[in-house]
């Protein structure tokens, strides 16, 4: 059973059909974005309340639609870079 699953997983990793490649890219992107949520400590700080986390992200999106977009991006970019520098992967 395990050998069969490993073989199937190996085949899936090497599947070059366009839809499969796009699906793997999207999956990787979602995993990386989830990692950023964890790195920001939002899971622990919100008690893993996904409605709160989504609300935070919606609020950030609203700020990016406002007049201070460039200033906000600059602030968040600086904060993010500092966090990457001091927080282990």
PDB file of N, CA and C in Angstrom:
ATOM      1  N   UNK A   1       0.828  -1.198   0.000  1.00  0.00           N
ATOM      2  CA  UNK A   1       0.000   0.000   0.000  1.00  0.00           C
ATOM      3  C   UNK A   1       0.870   1.259   0.000  1.00  0.00           C
ATOM      4  N   UNK A   2       1.849   1.327   0.916  1.00  0.00           N
ATOM      5  CA  UNK A   2       2.706   2.506   0.983  1.00  0.00           C
ATOM      6  C   UNK A   2       3.528   2.657  -0.292  1.00  0.00           C
ATOM      7  N   UNK A   3       4.016   1.551  -0.813  1.00  0.00           N
ATOM      8  CA  UNK A   3       4.809   1.608  -2.046  1.00  0.00           C
ATOM      9  C   UNK A   3       3.958   2.134  -3.189  1.00  0.00           C
ATOM     10  N   UNK A   4       2.712   1.718  -3.245  1.00  0.00           N
ATOM     11  CA  UNK A   4       1.797   2.189  -4.283  1.00  0.00           C
ATOM     12  C   UNK A   4       1.561   3.695  -4.147  1.00  0.00           C
ATOM     13  N   UNK A   5       1.371   4.155  -2.915  1.00  0.00           N
ATOM     14  CA  UNK A   5       1.161   5.587  -2.677  1.00  0.00           C
ATOM     15  C   UNK A   5       2.389   6.390  -3.058  1.00  0.00           C
ATOM     16  N   UNK A   6       3.581   5.877  -2.728  1.00  0.00           N
ATOM     17  CA  UNK A   6       4.820   6.582  -3.084  1.00  0.00           C
ATOM     18  C   UNK A   6       4.975   6.675  -4.596  1.00  0.00           C
ATOM     19  N   UNK A   7       4.673   5.598  -5.287  1.00  0.00           N
ATOM     20  CA  UNK A   7       4.771   5.590  -6.744  1.00  0.00           C
ATOM     21  C   UNK A   7       3.783   6.581  -7.354  1.00  0.00           C
ATOM     22  N   UNK A   8       2.584   6.610  -6.838  1.00  0.00           N
ATOM     23  CA  UNK A   8       1.571   7.541  -7.331  1.00  0.00           C
ATOM     24  C   UNK A   8       2.006   8.991  -7.079  1.00  0.00           C
ATOM     25  N   UNK A   9       2.562   9.265  -5.904  1.00  0.00           N
ATOM     26  CA  UNK A   9       3.038  10.618  -5.582  1.00  0.00           C
ATOM     27  C   UNK A   9       4.191  11.006  -6.500  1.00  0.00           C
ATOM     28  N   UNK A  10       5.083  10.077  -6.780  1.00  0.00           N
ATOM     29  CA  UNK A  10       6.215  10.348  -7.669  1.00  0.00           C
ATOM     30  C   UNK A  10       5.717  10.689  -9.068  1.00  0.00           C
ATOM     31  N   UNK A  11       4.763   9.942  -9.549  1.00  0.00           N
ATOM     32  CA  UNK A  11       4.196  10.223 -10.872  1.00  0.00           C
ATOM     33  C   UNK A  11       3.544  11.603 -10.908  1.00  0.00           C
ATOM     34  N   UNK A  12       2.820  11.947  -9.844  1.00  0.00           N
ATOM     35  CA  UNK A  12       2.141  13.247  -9.787  1.00  0.00           C
ATOM     36  C   UNK A  12       3.151  14.388  -9.812  1.00  0.00           C
ATOM     37  N   UNK A  13       4.287  14.228  -9.126  1.00  0.00           N
ATOM     38  CA  UNK A  13       5.306  15.289  -9.109  1.00  0.00           C
ATOM     39  C   UNK A  13       5.917  15.512 -10.483  1.00  0.00           C
ATOM     40  N   UNK A  14       5.941  14.492 -11.293  1.00  0.00           N
ATOM     41  CA  UNK A  14       6.560  14.598 -12.617  1.00  0.00           C
ATOM     42  C   UNK A  14       5.541  14.760 -13.745  1.00  0.00           C
ATOM     43  N   UNK A  15       4.285  14.925 -13.383  1.00  0.00           N
ATOM     44  CA  UNK A  15       3.226  15.136 -14.370  1.00  0.00           C
ATOM     45  C   UNK A  15       3.365  16.554 -14.917  1.00  0.00           C
ATOM     46  N   UNK A  16       3.588  16.677 -16.216  1.00  0.00           N
ATOM     47  CA  UNK A  16       3.837  17.988 -16.818  1.00  0.00           C
ATOM     48  C   UNK A  16       2.631  18.544 -17.568  1.00  0.00           C
ATOM     49  N   UNK A  17       1.463  17.941 -17.382  1.00  0.00           N
ATOM     50  CA  UNK A  17       0.276  18.512 -18.005  1.00  0.00           C
ATOM     51  C   UNK A  17       0.047  19.901 -17.418  1.00  0.00           C
ATOM     52  N   UNK A  18      -0.349  20.815 -18.268  1.00  0.00           N
ATOM     53  CA  UNK A  18      -0.460  22.222 -17.870  1.00  0.00           C
ATOM     54  C   UNK A  18      -1.311  22.413 -16.620  1.00  0.00           C
ATOM     55  N   UNK A  19      -2.460  21.764 -16.562  1.00  0.00           N
ATOM     56  CA  UNK A  19      -3.344  21.952 -15.412  1.00  0.00           C
ATOM     57  C   UNK A  19      -2.712  21.420 -14.144  1.00  0.00           C
ATOM     58  N   UNK A  20      -1.919  20.349 -14.251  1.00  0.00           N
ATOM     59  CA  UNK A  20      -1.248  19.790 -13.078  1.00  0.00           C
ATOM     60  C   UNK A  20      -0.151  20.729 -12.588  1.00  0.00           C
ATOM     61  N   UNK A  21       0.605  21.299 -13.521  1.00  0.00           N
ATOM     62  CA  UNK A  21       1.668  22.233 -13.164  1.00  0.00           C
ATOM     63  C   UNK A  21       1.070  23.453 -12.472  1.00  0.00           C
ATOM     64  N   UNK A  22      -0.009  23.997 -13.031  1.00  0.00           N
ATOM     65  CA  UNK A  22      -0.666  25.158 -12.427  1.00  0.00           C
ATOM     66  C   UNK A  22      -1.219  24.822 -11.045  1.00  0.00           C
ATOM     67  N   UNK A  23      -1.763  23.627 -10.912  1.00  0.00           N
ATOM     68  CA  UNK A  23      -2.308  23.205  -9.614  1.00  0.00           C
ATOM     69  C   UNK A  23      -1.201  23.120  -8.576  1.00  0.00           C
ATOM     70  N   UNK A  24      -0.055  22.546  -8.946  1.00  0.00           N
ATOM     71  CA  UNK A  24       1.079  22.468  -8.007  1.00  0.00           C
ATOM     72  C   UNK A  24       1.586  23.855  -7.636  1.00  0.00           C
ATOM     73  N   UNK A  25       1.659  24.761  -8.630  1.00  0.00           N
ATOM     74  CA  UNK A  25       2.107  26.131  -8.350  1.00  0.00           C
ATOM     75  C   UNK A  25       1.154  26.829  -7.380  1.00  0.00           C
ATOM     76  N   UNK A  26      -0.150  26.663  -7.599  1.00  0.00           N
ATOM     77  CA  UNK A  26      -1.141  27.289  -6.715  1.00  0.00           C
ATOM     78  C   UNK A  26      -1.054  26.705  -5.315  1.00  0.00           C
ATOM     79  N   UNK A  27      -0.891  25.388  -5.225  1.00  0.00           N
ATOM     80  CA  UNK A  27      -0.768  24.733  -3.924  1.00  0.00           C
ATOM     81  C   UNK A  27       0.456  25.256  -3.181  1.00  0.00           C
ATOM     82  N   UNK A  28       1.571  25.384  -3.887  1.00  0.00           N
ATOM     83  CA  UNK A  28       2.791  25.900  -3.265  1.00  0.00           C
ATOM     84  C   UNK A  28       2.581  27.341  -2.774  1.00  0.00           C
ATOM     85  N   UNK A  29       1.930  28.154  -3.601  1.00  0.00           N
ATOM     86  CA  UNK A  29       1.663  29.534  -3.217  1.00  0.00           C
ATOM     87  C   UNK A  29       0.793  29.589  -1.953  1.00  0.00           C
ATOM     88  N   UNK A  30      -0.245  28.779  -1.894  1.00  0.00           N
ATOM     89  CA  UNK A  30      -1.125  28.777  -0.728  1.00  0.00           C
ATOM     90  C   UNK A  30      -0.392  28.327   0.533  1.00  0.00           C
ATOM     91  N   UNK A  31       0.471  27.338   0.390  1.00  0.00           N
ATOM     92  CA  UNK A  31       1.265  26.871   1.534  1.00  0.00           C
ATOM     93  C   UNK A  31       2.199  27.980   2.009  1.00  0.00           C
ATOM     94  N   UNK A  32       2.846  28.667   1.075  1.00  0.00           N
ATOM     95  CA  UNK A  32       3.753  29.758   1.442  1.00  0.00           C
ATOM     96  C   UNK A  32       2.995  30.899   2.126  1.00  0.00           C
ATOM     97  N   UNK A  33       1.816  31.238   1.619  1.00  0.00           N
ATOM     98  CA  UNK A  33       1.023  32.299   2.237  1.00  0.00           C
ATOM     99  C   UNK A  33       0.562  31.899   3.637  1.00  0.00           C
ATOM    100  N   UNK A  34       0.197  30.648   3.812  1.00  0.00           N
ATOM    101  CA  UNK A  34      -0.145  30.158   5.150  1.00  0.00           C
ATOM    102  C   UNK A  34       1.045  30.255   6.086  1.00  0.00           C
ATOM    103  N   UNK A  35       2.240  30.012   5.551  1.00  0.00           N
ATOM    104  CA  UNK A  35       3.454  30.154   6.345  1.00  0.00           C
ATOM    105  C   UNK A  35       3.666  31.582   6.800  1.00  0.00           C
ATOM    106  N   UNK A  36       3.301  32.536   5.955  1.00  0.00           N
ATOM    107  CA  UNK A  36       3.427  33.946   6.341  1.00  0.00           C
ATOM    108  C   UNK A  36       2.457  34.304   7.464  1.00  0.00           C
ATOM    109  N   UNK A  37       1.260  33.755   7.394  1.00  0.00           N
ATOM    110  CA  UNK A  37       0.288  33.978   8.468  1.00  0.00           C
ATOM    111  C   UNK A  37       0.855  33.423   9.781  1.00  0.00           C
ATOM    112  N   UNK A  38       1.466  32.250   9.716  1.00  0.00           N
ATOM    113  CA  UNK A  38       2.066  31.654  10.911  1.00  0.00           C
ATOM    114  C   UNK A  38       3.258  32.483  11.387  1.00  0.00           C
ATOM    115  N   UNK A  39       4.103  32.926  10.456  1.00  0.00           N
ATOM    116  CA  UNK A  39       5.293  33.709  10.800  1.00  0.00           C
ATOM    117  C   UNK A  39       4.908  35.014  11.482  1.00  0.00           C
ATOM    118  N   UNK A  40       3.782  35.604  11.087  1.00  0.00           N
ATOM    119  CA  UNK A  40       3.293  36.836  11.705  1.00  0.00           C
ATOM    120  C   UNK A  40       2.658  36.559  13.068  1.00  0.00           C
ATOM    121  N   UNK A  41       2.608  35.287  13.466  1.00  0.00           N
ATOM    122  CA  UNK A  41       2.062  34.859  14.752  1.00  0.00           C
ATOM    123  C   UNK A  41       0.555  35.093  14.854  1.00  0.00           C
ATOM    124  N   UNK A  42      -0.100  35.218  13.697  1.00  0.00           N
ATOM    125  CA  UNK A  42      -1.542  35.500  13.706  1.00  0.00           C
ATOM    126  C   UNK A  42      -2.371  34.317  14.183  1.00  0.00           C
ATOM    127  N   UNK A  43      -1.873  33.122  13.978  1.00  0.00           N
ATOM    128  CA  UNK A  43      -2.630  31.939  14.402  1.00  0.00           C
ATOM    129  C   UNK A  43      -2.751  31.926  15.926  1.00  0.00           C
ATOM    130  N   UNK A  44      -1.618  32.103  16.589  1.00  0.00           N
ATOM    131  CA  UNK A  44      -1.627  32.096  18.054  1.00  0.00           C
ATOM    132  C   UNK A  44      -2.327  33.333  18.609  1.00  0.00           C
ATOM    133  N   UNK A  45      -2.038  34.495  18.046  1.00  0.00           N
ATOM    134  CA  UNK A  45      -2.602  35.738  18.571  1.00  0.00           C
ATOM    135  C   UNK A  45      -4.124  35.801  18.448  1.00  0.00           C
ATOM    136  N   UNK A  46      -4.674  35.117  17.451  1.00  0.00           N
ATOM    137  CA  UNK A  46      -6.130  35.136  17.263  1.00  0.00           C
ATOM    138  C   UNK A  46      -6.802  33.871  17.799  1.00  0.00           C
ATOM    139  N   UNK A  47      -6.020  32.979  18.378  1.00  0.00           N
ATOM    140  CA  UNK A  47      -6.600  31.715  18.843  1.00  0.00           C
ATOM    141  C   UNK A  47      -7.074  30.867  17.680  1.00  0.00           C
ATOM    142  N   UNK A  48      -6.390  30.984  16.551  1.00  0.00           N
ATOM    143  CA  UNK A  48      -6.725  30.255  15.315  1.00  0.00           C
ATOM    144  C   UNK A  48      -8.157  30.544  14.866  1.00  0.00           C
ATOM    145  N   UNK A  49      -8.598  31.781  15.099  1.00  0.00           N
ATOM    146  CA  UNK A  49      -9.937  32.207  14.674  1.00  0.00           C
ATOM    147  C   UNK A  49      -9.833  32.692  13.231  1.00  0.00           C
ATOM    148  N   UNK A  50     -10.268  31.875  12.326  1.00  0.00           N
ATOM    149  CA  UNK A  50     -10.096  32.172  10.902  1.00  0.00           C
ATOM    150  C   UNK A  50     -10.917  33.354  10.442  1.00  0.00           C
ATOM    151  N   UNK A  51     -12.035  33.610  11.085  1.00  0.00           N
ATOM    152  CA  UNK A  51     -12.834  34.795  10.739  1.00  0.00           C
ATOM    153  C   UNK A  51     -12.051  36.063  11.082  1.00  0.00           C
ATOM    154  N   UNK A  52     -11.357  36.047  12.203  1.00  0.00           N
ATOM    155  CA  UNK A  52     -10.550  37.205  12.593  1.00  0.00           C
ATOM    156  C   UNK A  52      -9.387  37.385  11.610  1.00  0.00           C
ATOM    157  N   UNK A  53      -8.717  36.289  11.279  1.00  0.00           N
ATOM    158  CA  UNK A  53      -7.589  36.371  10.341  1.00  0.00           C
ATOM    159  C   UNK A  53      -8.057  36.895   8.992  1.00  0.00           C
ATOM    160  N   UNK A  54      -9.187  36.389   8.500  1.00  0.00           N
ATOM    161  CA  UNK A  54      -9.720  36.876   7.240  1.00  0.00           C
ATOM    162  C   UNK A  54     -10.094  38.352   7.359  1.00  0.00           C
ATOM    163  N   UNK A  55     -10.687  38.740   8.483  1.00  0.00           N
ATOM    164  CA  UNK A  55     -11.023  40.145   8.704  1.00  0.00           C
ATOM    165  C   UNK A  55      -9.795  41.042   8.650  1.00  0.00           C
ATOM    166  N   UNK A  56      -8.686  40.579   9.237  1.00  0.00           N
ATOM    167  CA  UNK A  56      -7.429  41.335   9.175  1.00  0.00           C
ATOM    168  C   UNK A  56      -6.979  41.518   7.729  1.00  0.00           C
ATOM    169  N   UNK A  57      -7.063  40.449   6.958  1.00  0.00           N
ATOM    170  CA  UNK A  57      -6.630  40.511   5.563  1.00  0.00           C
ATOM    171  C   UNK A  57      -7.552  41.398   4.733  1.00  0.00           C
ATOM    172  N   UNK A  58      -8.842  41.335   4.998  1.00  0.00           N
ATOM    173  CA  UNK A  58      -9.802  42.193   4.296  1.00  0.00           C
ATOM    174  C   UNK A  58      -9.526  43.658   4.629  1.00  0.00           C
ATOM    175  N   UNK A  59      -9.218  43.930   5.890  1.00  0.00           N
ATOM    176  CA  UNK A  59      -8.884  45.289   6.314  1.00  0.00           C
ATOM    177  C   UNK A  59      -7.627  45.776   5.594  1.00  0.00           C
ATOM    178  N   UNK A  60      -6.632  44.910   5.478  1.00  0.00           N
ATOM    179  CA  UNK A  60      -5.407  45.275   4.755  1.00  0.00           C
ATOM    180  C   UNK A  60      -5.735  45.570   3.287  1.00  0.00           C
ATOM    181  N   UNK A  61      -6.592  44.758   2.691  1.00  0.00           N
ATOM    182  CA  UNK A  61      -7.006  45.001   1.313  1.00  0.00           C
ATOM    183  C   UNK A  61      -7.702  46.336   1.153  1.00  0.00           C
ATOM    184  N   UNK A  62      -8.532  46.696   2.121  1.00  0.00           N
ATOM    185  CA  UNK A  62      -9.231  47.982   2.073  1.00  0.00           C
ATOM    186  C   UNK A  62      -8.231  49.136   2.156  1.00  0.00           C
ATOM    187  N   UNK A  63      -7.222  48.997   3.005  1.00  0.00           N
ATOM    188  CA  UNK A  63      -6.193  50.043   3.108  1.00  0.00           C
ATOM    189  C   UNK A  63      -5.441  50.198   1.792  1.00  0.00           C
ATOM    190  N   UNK A  64      -5.219  49.086   1.112  1.00  0.00           N
ATOM    191  CA  UNK A  64      -4.496  49.146  -0.162  1.00  0.00           C
ATOM    192  C   UNK A  64      -5.333  49.758  -1.276  1.00  0.00           C
ATOM    193  N   UNK A  65      -6.643  49.806  -1.089  1.00  0.00           N
ATOM    194  CA  UNK A  65      -7.513  50.454  -2.075  1.00  0.00           C
ATOM    195  C   UNK A  65      -7.653  51.950  -1.802  1.00  0.00           C
ATOM    196  N   UNK A  66      -7.142  52.399  -0.647  1.00  0.00           N
ATOM    197  CA  UNK A  66      -7.281  53.797  -0.249  1.00  0.00           C
ATOM    198  C   UNK A  66      -6.192  54.689  -0.809  1.00  0.00           C
ATOM    199  N   UNK A  67      -6.236  55.949  -0.380  1.00  0.00           N
ATOM    200  CA  UNK A  67      -5.307  56.954  -0.891  1.00  0.00           C
ATOM    201  C   UNK A  67      -3.873  56.743  -0.430  1.00  0.00           C
ATOM    202  N   UNK A  68      -3.663  56.196   0.740  1.00  0.00           N
ATOM    203  CA  UNK A  68      -2.314  56.027   1.270  1.00  0.00           C
ATOM    204  C   UNK A  68      -1.658  54.718   0.880  1.00  0.00           C
ATOM    205  N   UNK A  69      -2.065  54.172  -0.256  1.00  0.00           N
ATOM    206  CA  UNK A  69      -1.591  52.859  -0.697  1.00  0.00           C
ATOM    207  C   UNK A  69      -0.069  52.733  -0.698  1.00  0.00           C
ATOM    208  N   UNK A  70       0.611  53.650  -1.366  1.00  0.00           N
ATOM    209  CA  UNK A  70       2.065  53.530  -1.504  1.00  0.00           C
ATOM    210  C   UNK A  70       2.772  53.643  -0.159  1.00  0.00           C
ATOM    211  N   UNK A  71       2.300  54.546   0.677  1.00  0.00           N
ATOM    212  CA  UNK A  71       2.897  54.708   2.001  1.00  0.00           C
ATOM    213  C   UNK A  71       2.673  53.449   2.841  1.00  0.00           C
ATOM    214  N   UNK A  72       1.482  52.886   2.767  1.00  0.00           N
ATOM    215  CA  UNK A  72       1.169  51.674   3.519  1.00  0.00           C
ATOM    216  C   UNK A  72       2.024  50.502   3.036  1.00  0.00           C
ATOM    217  N   UNK A  73       2.151  50.364   1.708  1.00  0.00           N
ATOM    218  CA  UNK A  73       2.999  49.292   1.165  1.00  0.00           C
ATOM    219  C   UNK A  73       4.431  49.436   1.646  1.00  0.00           C
ATOM    220  N   UNK A  74       4.947  50.655   1.648  1.00  0.00           N
ATOM    221  CA  UNK A  74       6.312  50.903   2.099  1.00  0.00           C
ATOM    222  C   UNK A  74       6.478  50.495   3.564  1.00  0.00           C
ATOM    223  N   UNK A  75       5.540  50.899   4.400  1.00  0.00           N
ATOM    224  CA  UNK A  75       5.585  50.555   5.816  1.00  0.00           C
ATOM    225  C   UNK A  75       5.551  49.042   6.017  1.00  0.00           C
ATOM    226  N   UNK A  76       4.596  48.385   5.385  1.00  0.00           N
ATOM    227  CA  UNK A  76       4.463  46.938   5.548  1.00  0.00           C
ATOM    228  C   UNK A  76       5.650  46.195   4.962  1.00  0.00           C
ATOM    229  N   UNK A  77       6.188  46.669   3.841  1.00  0.00           N
ATOM    230  CA  UNK A  77       7.360  46.029   3.234  1.00  0.00           C
ATOM    231  C   UNK A  77       8.546  46.085   4.195  1.00  0.00           C
ATOM    232  N   UNK A  78       8.778  47.254   4.796  1.00  0.00           N
ATOM    233  CA  UNK A  78       9.887  47.404   5.756  1.00  0.00           C
ATOM    234  C   UNK A  78       9.705  46.473   6.948  1.00  0.00           C
ATOM    235  N   UNK A  79       8.497  46.458   7.477  1.00  0.00           N
ATOM    236  CA  UNK A  79       8.206  45.578   8.613  1.00  0.00           C
ATOM    237  C   UNK A  79       8.412  44.117   8.243  1.00  0.00           C
ATOM    238  N   UNK A  80       7.941  43.739   7.084  1.00  0.00           N
ATOM    239  CA  UNK A  80       8.089  42.354   6.629  1.00  0.00           C
ATOM    240  C   UNK A  80       9.538  41.966   6.456  1.00  0.00           C
ATOM    241  N   UNK A  81      10.333  42.839   5.857  1.00  0.00           N
ATOM    242  CA  UNK A  81      11.754  42.543   5.670  1.00  0.00           C
ATOM    243  C   UNK A  81      12.459  42.382   7.009  1.00  0.00           C
ATOM    244  N   UNK A  82      12.136  43.266   7.972  1.00  0.00           N
ATOM    245  CA  UNK A  82      12.747  43.136   9.310  1.00  0.00           C
ATOM    246  C   UNK A  82      12.351  41.812   9.956  1.00  0.00           C
ATOM    247  N   UNK A  83      11.107  41.425   9.793  1.00  0.00           N
ATOM    248  CA  UNK A  83      10.642  40.168  10.376  1.00  0.00           C
ATOM    249  C   UNK A  83      11.356  38.984   9.744  1.00  0.00           C
ATOM    250  N   UNK A  84      11.537  39.000   8.419  1.00  0.00           N
ATOM    251  CA  UNK A  84      12.281  37.928   7.760  1.00  0.00           C
ATOM    252  C   UNK A  84      13.706  37.836   8.296  1.00  0.00           C
ATOM    253  N   UNK A  85      14.296  38.979   8.601  1.00  0.00           N
ATOM    254  CA  UNK A  85      15.683  39.002   9.073  1.00  0.00           C
ATOM    255  C   UNK A  85      15.834  38.446  10.482  1.00  0.00           C
ATOM    256  N   UNK A  86      14.845  38.662  11.345  1.00  0.00           N
ATOM    257  CA  UNK A  86      14.983  38.262  12.749  1.00  0.00           C
ATOM    258  C   UNK A  86      14.247  36.978  13.119  1.00  0.00           C
ATOM    259  N   UNK A  87      13.349  36.516  12.272  1.00  0.00           N
ATOM    260  CA  UNK A  87      12.559  35.315  12.581  1.00  0.00           C
ATOM    261  C   UNK A  87      13.076  34.144  11.771  1.00  0.00           C
ATOM    262  N   UNK A  88      13.379  33.023  12.442  1.00  0.00           N
ATOM    263  CA  UNK A  88      13.824  31.837  11.700  1.00  0.00           C
ATOM    264  C   UNK A  88      12.734  31.327  10.752  1.00  0.00           C
ATOM    265  N   UNK A  89      13.155  30.659   9.713  1.00  0.00           N
ATOM    266  CA  UNK A  89      12.230  30.168   8.682  1.00  0.00           C
ATOM    267  C   UNK A  89      11.269  29.147   9.177  1.00  0.00           C
TER     268      UNK A  89
END
